[in-house]
N, C-alpha and C. Protein backbone atom coordinates (compact mmCIF):
# COMPACT_ATOMS: atom_id res chain seq x y z
N MET A 1 35.12 23.95 10.01
CA MET A 1 35.10 22.50 9.88
C MET A 1 33.73 22.08 9.35
N PRO A 2 33.68 21.21 8.32
CA PRO A 2 32.39 20.80 7.75
C PRO A 2 31.59 19.95 8.72
N ASP A 3 30.28 20.02 8.55
CA ASP A 3 29.40 19.20 9.38
C ASP A 3 29.61 17.74 9.06
N ALA A 4 29.41 16.91 10.08
CA ALA A 4 29.48 15.47 9.87
C ALA A 4 28.33 15.04 8.97
N PRO A 5 28.54 14.01 8.13
CA PRO A 5 27.43 13.58 7.28
C PRO A 5 26.25 13.11 8.12
N ALA A 6 25.06 13.39 7.61
CA ALA A 6 23.84 12.96 8.31
C ALA A 6 23.76 11.44 8.27
N SER A 7 23.27 10.88 9.35
CA SER A 7 23.09 9.43 9.36
C SER A 7 21.88 9.08 8.50
N PRO A 8 21.85 7.86 7.95
CA PRO A 8 20.71 7.48 7.12
C PRO A 8 19.43 7.43 7.94
N PRO A 9 18.27 7.54 7.26
CA PRO A 9 17.00 7.45 7.99
C PRO A 9 16.92 6.13 8.77
N ARG A 10 16.20 6.17 9.88
CA ARG A 10 16.06 4.97 10.70
C ARG A 10 15.09 3.97 10.10
N ARG A 11 14.02 4.47 9.47
CA ARG A 11 13.01 3.57 8.90
C ARG A 11 12.06 4.41 8.05
N LEU A 12 11.26 3.74 7.26
CA LEU A 12 10.20 4.41 6.51
C LEU A 12 9.08 4.73 7.50
N ASP A 13 8.66 5.98 7.58
CA ASP A 13 7.62 6.37 8.53
C ASP A 13 6.22 6.14 7.97
N HIS A 14 5.97 6.61 6.76
CA HIS A 14 4.63 6.42 6.18
C HIS A 14 4.67 6.56 4.67
N VAL A 15 3.60 6.12 4.06
CA VAL A 15 3.37 6.30 2.62
C VAL A 15 2.12 7.15 2.48
N GLY A 16 2.16 8.14 1.62
CA GLY A 16 1.00 8.99 1.36
C GLY A 16 0.25 8.49 0.14
N LEU A 17 -1.05 8.40 0.26
CA LEU A 17 -1.89 7.91 -0.82
C LEU A 17 -3.00 8.92 -1.07
N ASN A 18 -3.02 9.52 -2.27
CA ASN A 18 -4.07 10.46 -2.65
C ASN A 18 -5.31 9.66 -3.04
N VAL A 19 -6.46 10.02 -2.48
CA VAL A 19 -7.69 9.26 -2.71
C VAL A 19 -8.83 10.19 -3.11
N ALA A 20 -9.81 9.61 -3.80
CA ALA A 20 -10.99 10.36 -4.21
C ALA A 20 -12.00 10.47 -3.08
N ASP A 21 -12.13 9.42 -2.27
CA ASP A 21 -13.12 9.38 -1.20
C ASP A 21 -12.41 9.05 0.11
N LEU A 22 -12.11 10.06 0.88
CA LEU A 22 -11.31 9.92 2.10
C LEU A 22 -11.98 8.99 3.11
N ALA A 23 -13.26 9.17 3.36
CA ALA A 23 -13.98 8.36 4.35
C ALA A 23 -14.02 6.89 3.92
N ALA A 24 -14.31 6.65 2.64
CA ALA A 24 -14.38 5.27 2.15
C ALA A 24 -13.02 4.60 2.21
N ALA A 25 -11.97 5.32 1.85
CA ALA A 25 -10.61 4.76 1.90
C ALA A 25 -10.22 4.44 3.34
N GLU A 26 -10.54 5.33 4.26
CA GLU A 26 -10.22 5.07 5.67
C GLU A 26 -10.93 3.81 6.16
N ARG A 27 -12.21 3.69 5.84
CA ARG A 27 -12.96 2.49 6.26
C ARG A 27 -12.35 1.23 5.67
N TRP A 28 -12.01 1.26 4.39
CA TRP A 28 -11.49 0.06 3.73
C TRP A 28 -10.14 -0.35 4.32
N TYR A 29 -9.22 0.59 4.48
CA TYR A 29 -7.90 0.24 5.02
C TYR A 29 -7.98 -0.19 6.48
N ALA A 30 -8.93 0.33 7.22
CA ALA A 30 -9.14 -0.11 8.61
C ALA A 30 -9.63 -1.55 8.63
N GLU A 31 -10.64 -1.84 7.84
CA GLU A 31 -11.20 -3.19 7.85
C GLU A 31 -10.28 -4.19 7.16
N ALA A 32 -9.69 -3.81 6.05
CA ALA A 32 -8.90 -4.74 5.26
C ALA A 32 -7.53 -5.03 5.86
N LEU A 33 -6.87 -4.00 6.42
CA LEU A 33 -5.50 -4.17 6.86
C LEU A 33 -5.25 -3.80 8.31
N GLY A 34 -6.31 -3.47 9.04
CA GLY A 34 -6.17 -3.26 10.48
C GLY A 34 -5.66 -1.91 10.92
N TYR A 35 -5.68 -0.92 10.04
CA TYR A 35 -5.24 0.42 10.42
C TYR A 35 -6.29 1.14 11.25
N VAL A 36 -5.84 2.04 12.11
CA VAL A 36 -6.74 2.89 12.90
C VAL A 36 -6.31 4.34 12.70
N ARG A 37 -7.26 5.24 12.89
CA ARG A 37 -6.95 6.67 12.73
C ARG A 37 -6.03 7.12 13.86
N GLU A 38 -4.93 7.73 13.47
CA GLU A 38 -4.02 8.33 14.43
C GLU A 38 -4.34 9.81 14.60
N LEU A 39 -4.58 10.49 13.48
CA LEU A 39 -4.93 11.90 13.54
C LEU A 39 -5.59 12.33 12.25
N GLU A 40 -6.26 13.45 12.32
CA GLU A 40 -6.93 14.06 11.17
C GLU A 40 -6.48 15.50 11.10
N LEU A 41 -6.13 15.96 9.90
CA LEU A 41 -5.63 17.32 9.71
C LEU A 41 -6.36 17.99 8.56
N ARG A 42 -6.39 19.29 8.60
CA ARG A 42 -6.97 20.09 7.51
C ARG A 42 -6.00 21.22 7.23
N ILE A 43 -5.64 21.40 5.96
CA ILE A 43 -4.80 22.51 5.55
C ILE A 43 -5.66 23.39 4.66
N ASP A 44 -6.28 24.40 5.29
CA ASP A 44 -7.23 25.26 4.58
C ASP A 44 -6.60 25.98 3.40
N ALA A 45 -5.34 26.38 3.50
CA ALA A 45 -4.70 27.17 2.44
C ALA A 45 -4.72 26.44 1.09
N VAL A 46 -4.72 25.12 1.11
CA VAL A 46 -4.76 24.37 -0.15
C VAL A 46 -5.96 23.42 -0.22
N ASP A 47 -6.91 23.60 0.69
CA ASP A 47 -8.14 22.79 0.69
C ASP A 47 -7.83 21.29 0.73
N LEU A 48 -6.95 20.92 1.66
CA LEU A 48 -6.47 19.55 1.75
C LEU A 48 -6.89 18.92 3.07
N ASP A 49 -7.49 17.74 2.98
CA ASP A 49 -7.85 16.96 4.16
C ASP A 49 -6.93 15.75 4.24
N ILE A 50 -6.47 15.45 5.45
CA ILE A 50 -5.52 14.35 5.67
C ILE A 50 -6.02 13.49 6.82
N VAL A 51 -5.96 12.19 6.64
CA VAL A 51 -6.19 11.24 7.72
C VAL A 51 -4.96 10.37 7.79
N MET A 52 -4.28 10.39 8.94
CA MET A 52 -3.11 9.54 9.14
C MET A 52 -3.58 8.28 9.85
N LEU A 53 -3.35 7.15 9.20
CA LEU A 53 -3.67 5.86 9.79
C LEU A 53 -2.40 5.23 10.33
N ILE A 54 -2.53 4.47 11.40
CA ILE A 54 -1.39 3.77 11.96
C ILE A 54 -1.82 2.34 12.27
N HIS A 55 -0.88 1.43 12.09
CA HIS A 55 -1.19 0.05 12.47
C HIS A 55 -0.86 -0.10 13.96
N PRO A 56 -1.82 -0.50 14.78
CA PRO A 56 -1.61 -0.50 16.24
C PRO A 56 -0.54 -1.47 16.72
N GLU A 57 -0.23 -2.50 15.97
CA GLU A 57 0.79 -3.46 16.41
C GLU A 57 2.15 -3.17 15.80
N ARG A 58 2.19 -2.84 14.51
CA ARG A 58 3.47 -2.65 13.82
C ARG A 58 3.98 -1.20 13.90
N GLY A 59 3.06 -0.25 13.99
CA GLY A 59 3.44 1.16 14.06
C GLY A 59 3.67 1.83 12.71
N ASP A 60 3.49 1.11 11.59
CA ASP A 60 3.64 1.76 10.30
C ASP A 60 2.41 2.60 10.01
N ARG A 61 2.60 3.62 9.17
CA ARG A 61 1.52 4.57 8.90
C ARG A 61 1.18 4.62 7.42
N LEU A 62 -0.07 4.92 7.15
CA LEU A 62 -0.57 5.16 5.81
C LEU A 62 -1.32 6.48 5.86
N GLU A 63 -0.84 7.46 5.11
CA GLU A 63 -1.44 8.80 5.10
C GLU A 63 -2.38 8.90 3.91
N LEU A 64 -3.65 9.13 4.20
CA LEU A 64 -4.65 9.31 3.15
C LEU A 64 -4.88 10.80 2.96
N LEU A 65 -4.80 11.25 1.71
CA LEU A 65 -4.92 12.67 1.41
C LEU A 65 -6.03 12.88 0.39
N HIS A 66 -6.81 13.94 0.59
CA HIS A 66 -7.86 14.27 -0.38
C HIS A 66 -7.93 15.78 -0.57
N ARG A 67 -7.93 16.16 -1.84
CA ARG A 67 -8.09 17.57 -2.20
C ARG A 67 -9.16 17.64 -3.28
N PRO A 68 -10.25 18.38 -3.04
CA PRO A 68 -11.29 18.51 -4.07
C PRO A 68 -10.70 18.96 -5.40
N GLY A 69 -11.20 18.38 -6.45
CA GLY A 69 -10.71 18.70 -7.79
C GLY A 69 -9.59 17.79 -8.25
N SER A 70 -9.15 16.88 -7.37
CA SER A 70 -8.09 15.97 -7.81
C SER A 70 -8.64 15.03 -8.87
N VAL A 71 -7.76 14.55 -9.72
CA VAL A 71 -8.14 13.63 -10.79
C VAL A 71 -7.22 12.41 -10.72
N PRO A 72 -7.73 11.28 -11.16
CA PRO A 72 -6.89 10.08 -11.13
C PRO A 72 -5.66 10.23 -12.03
N GLY A 73 -4.55 9.72 -11.53
CA GLY A 73 -3.33 9.63 -12.33
C GLY A 73 -3.27 8.23 -12.91
N LEU A 74 -2.06 7.73 -13.09
CA LEU A 74 -1.87 6.39 -13.60
C LEU A 74 -2.60 5.40 -12.70
N ARG A 75 -3.40 4.56 -13.28
CA ARG A 75 -4.05 3.46 -12.57
C ARG A 75 -3.66 2.18 -13.29
N ALA A 76 -2.42 1.79 -13.11
CA ALA A 76 -1.93 0.59 -13.77
C ALA A 76 -2.75 -0.61 -13.31
N SER A 77 -3.08 -1.47 -14.24
CA SER A 77 -3.88 -2.64 -13.88
C SER A 77 -3.04 -3.84 -13.51
N THR A 78 -1.74 -3.79 -13.80
CA THR A 78 -0.85 -4.90 -13.46
C THR A 78 0.50 -4.35 -13.00
N PRO A 79 1.27 -5.14 -12.25
CA PRO A 79 2.61 -4.68 -11.86
C PRO A 79 3.51 -4.34 -13.06
N PRO A 80 3.54 -5.16 -14.15
CA PRO A 80 4.39 -4.77 -15.29
C PRO A 80 3.97 -3.43 -15.91
N GLU A 81 2.67 -3.14 -15.94
CA GLU A 81 2.20 -1.86 -16.46
C GLU A 81 2.63 -0.72 -15.54
N ALA A 82 2.63 -0.96 -14.24
CA ALA A 82 2.99 0.08 -13.27
C ALA A 82 4.44 0.53 -13.44
N VAL A 83 5.32 -0.37 -13.85
CA VAL A 83 6.72 0.01 -13.97
C VAL A 83 7.04 0.69 -15.31
N LEU A 84 6.03 0.96 -16.13
CA LEU A 84 6.24 1.74 -17.33
C LEU A 84 6.21 3.24 -17.04
N THR A 85 5.79 3.61 -15.86
CA THR A 85 5.77 5.01 -15.44
C THR A 85 6.70 5.17 -14.25
N GLU A 86 7.57 6.17 -14.29
CA GLU A 86 8.49 6.40 -13.19
C GLU A 86 7.76 7.00 -12.01
N GLY A 87 8.17 6.63 -10.82
CA GLY A 87 7.52 7.05 -9.58
C GLY A 87 7.04 5.82 -8.84
N PHE A 88 6.25 6.02 -7.81
CA PHE A 88 5.77 4.89 -7.03
C PHE A 88 4.71 4.13 -7.81
N GLY A 89 4.83 2.81 -7.83
CA GLY A 89 3.89 1.98 -8.57
C GLY A 89 2.97 1.15 -7.72
N HIS A 90 3.41 0.84 -6.49
CA HIS A 90 2.57 0.04 -5.59
C HIS A 90 3.09 0.16 -4.17
N VAL A 91 2.25 -0.28 -3.24
CA VAL A 91 2.63 -0.37 -1.82
C VAL A 91 2.60 -1.85 -1.47
N CYS A 92 3.59 -2.31 -0.73
CA CYS A 92 3.68 -3.72 -0.38
C CYS A 92 3.48 -3.90 1.12
N PHE A 93 2.69 -4.91 1.47
CA PHE A 93 2.44 -5.26 2.86
C PHE A 93 2.97 -6.66 3.13
N ASP A 94 3.77 -6.80 4.18
CA ASP A 94 4.28 -8.09 4.61
C ASP A 94 3.19 -8.78 5.42
N VAL A 95 2.79 -9.96 4.98
CA VAL A 95 1.71 -10.68 5.65
C VAL A 95 2.16 -12.10 5.95
N ALA A 96 1.54 -12.71 6.91
CA ALA A 96 1.75 -14.13 7.20
C ALA A 96 0.61 -14.87 6.53
N GLY A 97 0.90 -15.52 5.41
CA GLY A 97 -0.13 -16.25 4.69
C GLY A 97 -0.76 -15.40 3.60
N VAL A 98 -0.15 -15.36 2.44
CA VAL A 98 -0.64 -14.54 1.33
C VAL A 98 -2.05 -14.96 0.91
N ASP A 99 -2.29 -16.28 0.79
CA ASP A 99 -3.56 -16.76 0.24
C ASP A 99 -4.78 -16.30 1.05
N PRO A 100 -4.81 -16.48 2.37
CA PRO A 100 -6.00 -16.01 3.10
C PRO A 100 -6.14 -14.49 3.09
N HIS A 101 -5.03 -13.78 3.10
CA HIS A 101 -5.10 -12.31 3.05
C HIS A 101 -5.63 -11.85 1.69
N PHE A 102 -5.16 -12.48 0.62
CA PHE A 102 -5.65 -12.16 -0.72
C PHE A 102 -7.16 -12.37 -0.79
N ASP A 103 -7.62 -13.56 -0.35
CA ASP A 103 -9.06 -13.87 -0.39
C ASP A 103 -9.87 -12.87 0.44
N ARG A 104 -9.36 -12.49 1.60
CA ARG A 104 -10.07 -11.56 2.48
C ARG A 104 -10.18 -10.17 1.84
N LEU A 105 -9.07 -9.68 1.26
CA LEU A 105 -9.10 -8.36 0.64
C LEU A 105 -10.05 -8.33 -0.54
N VAL A 106 -10.06 -9.39 -1.34
CA VAL A 106 -10.98 -9.46 -2.47
C VAL A 106 -12.42 -9.47 -1.96
N ALA A 107 -12.68 -10.21 -0.88
CA ALA A 107 -14.03 -10.24 -0.31
C ALA A 107 -14.46 -8.86 0.20
N LEU A 108 -13.47 -8.03 0.58
CA LEU A 108 -13.77 -6.69 1.08
C LEU A 108 -13.80 -5.63 -0.02
N GLY A 109 -13.72 -6.06 -1.28
CA GLY A 109 -13.86 -5.11 -2.37
C GLY A 109 -12.62 -4.83 -3.19
N ALA A 110 -11.48 -5.44 -2.83
CA ALA A 110 -10.28 -5.28 -3.66
C ALA A 110 -10.47 -6.06 -4.95
N HIS A 111 -9.77 -5.65 -5.99
CA HIS A 111 -9.85 -6.33 -7.28
C HIS A 111 -8.63 -7.24 -7.42
N PRO A 112 -8.84 -8.53 -7.73
CA PRO A 112 -7.69 -9.42 -7.89
C PRO A 112 -6.87 -9.00 -9.11
N VAL A 113 -5.57 -8.93 -8.96
CA VAL A 113 -4.67 -8.55 -10.05
C VAL A 113 -3.74 -9.71 -10.38
N MET A 114 -3.09 -10.25 -9.36
CA MET A 114 -2.20 -11.39 -9.54
C MET A 114 -2.47 -12.34 -8.38
N THR A 115 -2.97 -13.51 -8.69
CA THR A 115 -3.32 -14.48 -7.64
C THR A 115 -2.07 -14.92 -6.88
N PRO A 116 -2.25 -15.44 -5.66
CA PRO A 116 -1.09 -15.89 -4.89
C PRO A 116 -0.25 -16.91 -5.65
N ARG A 117 1.07 -16.72 -5.53
CA ARG A 117 2.01 -17.57 -6.26
C ARG A 117 3.41 -17.39 -5.69
N PRO A 118 4.33 -18.27 -6.09
CA PRO A 118 5.72 -18.05 -5.70
C PRO A 118 6.23 -16.75 -6.34
N SER A 119 7.04 -16.04 -5.61
CA SER A 119 7.64 -14.81 -6.10
C SER A 119 8.86 -15.13 -6.95
N PRO A 120 9.30 -14.20 -7.79
CA PRO A 120 10.58 -14.39 -8.46
C PRO A 120 11.73 -14.49 -7.45
N GLU A 121 11.55 -13.90 -6.27
CA GLU A 121 12.54 -13.99 -5.20
C GLU A 121 12.38 -15.35 -4.52
N PRO A 122 13.42 -16.15 -4.43
CA PRO A 122 13.30 -17.48 -3.84
C PRO A 122 12.75 -17.44 -2.41
N ASN A 123 11.94 -18.44 -2.09
CA ASN A 123 11.38 -18.63 -0.75
C ASN A 123 10.42 -17.53 -0.32
N VAL A 124 9.79 -16.89 -1.27
CA VAL A 124 8.84 -15.82 -0.98
C VAL A 124 7.56 -16.09 -1.77
N ARG A 125 6.42 -15.84 -1.14
CA ARG A 125 5.12 -15.97 -1.81
C ARG A 125 4.52 -14.58 -1.95
N MET A 126 3.81 -14.33 -3.05
CA MET A 126 3.32 -12.99 -3.33
C MET A 126 1.96 -13.01 -4.01
N ALA A 127 1.29 -11.86 -4.01
CA ALA A 127 0.06 -11.64 -4.76
C ALA A 127 -0.11 -10.13 -4.90
N PHE A 128 -0.98 -9.72 -5.83
CA PHE A 128 -1.33 -8.31 -6.00
C PHE A 128 -2.84 -8.16 -6.04
N VAL A 129 -3.32 -7.10 -5.42
CA VAL A 129 -4.71 -6.68 -5.55
C VAL A 129 -4.70 -5.18 -5.83
N ALA A 130 -5.83 -4.66 -6.27
CA ALA A 130 -6.02 -3.21 -6.37
C ALA A 130 -7.08 -2.84 -5.35
N ASP A 131 -6.81 -1.79 -4.57
CA ASP A 131 -7.81 -1.35 -3.60
C ASP A 131 -9.06 -0.85 -4.34
N PRO A 132 -10.13 -0.50 -3.63
CA PRO A 132 -11.35 -0.08 -4.33
C PRO A 132 -11.19 1.12 -5.26
N GLU A 133 -10.13 1.93 -5.07
CA GLU A 133 -9.89 3.06 -5.98
C GLU A 133 -8.90 2.70 -7.09
N GLY A 134 -8.39 1.47 -7.09
CA GLY A 134 -7.51 1.03 -8.16
C GLY A 134 -6.02 1.09 -7.87
N ASN A 135 -5.62 1.42 -6.63
CA ASN A 135 -4.21 1.48 -6.27
C ASN A 135 -3.67 0.06 -6.07
N LEU A 136 -2.52 -0.23 -6.66
CA LEU A 136 -1.94 -1.57 -6.55
C LEU A 136 -1.33 -1.80 -5.17
N LEU A 137 -1.68 -2.94 -4.58
CA LEU A 137 -1.13 -3.38 -3.30
C LEU A 137 -0.52 -4.75 -3.49
N GLU A 138 0.70 -4.92 -3.04
CA GLU A 138 1.35 -6.22 -3.08
C GLU A 138 1.26 -6.85 -1.71
N LEU A 139 1.02 -8.14 -1.67
CA LEU A 139 1.06 -8.93 -0.44
C LEU A 139 2.26 -9.84 -0.56
N LEU A 140 3.10 -9.86 0.47
CA LEU A 140 4.34 -10.61 0.41
C LEU A 140 4.53 -11.38 1.70
N ASP A 141 4.92 -12.64 1.58
CA ASP A 141 5.21 -13.46 2.76
C ASP A 141 6.59 -14.07 2.58
N ARG A 142 7.54 -13.54 3.34
CA ARG A 142 8.92 -14.03 3.25
C ARG A 142 9.12 -15.31 4.06
N SER A 143 8.11 -15.73 4.80
CA SER A 143 8.23 -16.96 5.58
C SER A 143 7.52 -18.13 4.91
N ALA A 144 7.11 -17.95 3.65
CA ALA A 144 6.29 -18.95 2.97
C ALA A 144 7.04 -20.23 2.62
N GLY A 145 8.39 -20.16 2.51
CA GLY A 145 9.15 -21.36 2.21
C GLY A 145 8.96 -21.87 0.80
N THR A 146 8.53 -21.02 -0.13
CA THR A 146 8.36 -21.42 -1.51
C THR A 146 9.68 -21.23 -2.24
N SER A 147 10.15 -22.22 -2.96
CA SER A 147 11.44 -22.09 -3.61
C SER A 147 11.36 -22.06 -5.12
N GLU A 148 10.19 -22.14 -5.69
CA GLU A 148 10.06 -22.17 -7.14
C GLU A 148 9.76 -20.77 -7.69
N PRO A 149 10.77 -20.07 -8.25
CA PRO A 149 10.51 -18.74 -8.81
C PRO A 149 9.66 -18.83 -10.06
N VAL A 150 8.94 -17.75 -10.34
CA VAL A 150 8.10 -17.70 -11.54
C VAL A 150 8.43 -16.43 -12.30
N ASP A 151 8.05 -16.40 -13.57
CA ASP A 151 8.21 -15.18 -14.35
C ASP A 151 7.11 -14.22 -13.97
N ALA A 152 7.47 -12.97 -13.74
CA ALA A 152 6.48 -11.96 -13.36
C ALA A 152 5.72 -11.47 -14.55
């Protein structure tokens, strides 16, 4: 008798982000988005250092990975540019109040990419920044009550 189909995953556990400077990335994500170190790992066989960050209230994780000799891949400067390459283009964080979060991240060293505005999705407000290494981060507020869609 065949096995029963596997049930779908319960939730997204974490996103892995390859970084050039592990310590600097950990500091920035802790200060900018409230993550704390959950664990640190070393895989000597491939010279890989890992820091798993977790958000203490939400429980979502961000895995920072560093391997000496790594080189930057696509560093899209805008969301439309990011979707010209297949694969992951950005990480999105649900926030209450896009505008103050955008201003805070920029003050902490993020680069403004798309200022806060209504999303193409009705009743949603959005913005984009790039972290200090150039990775695109979307800020999204589904409780913003904005009903005017815009062209992306």
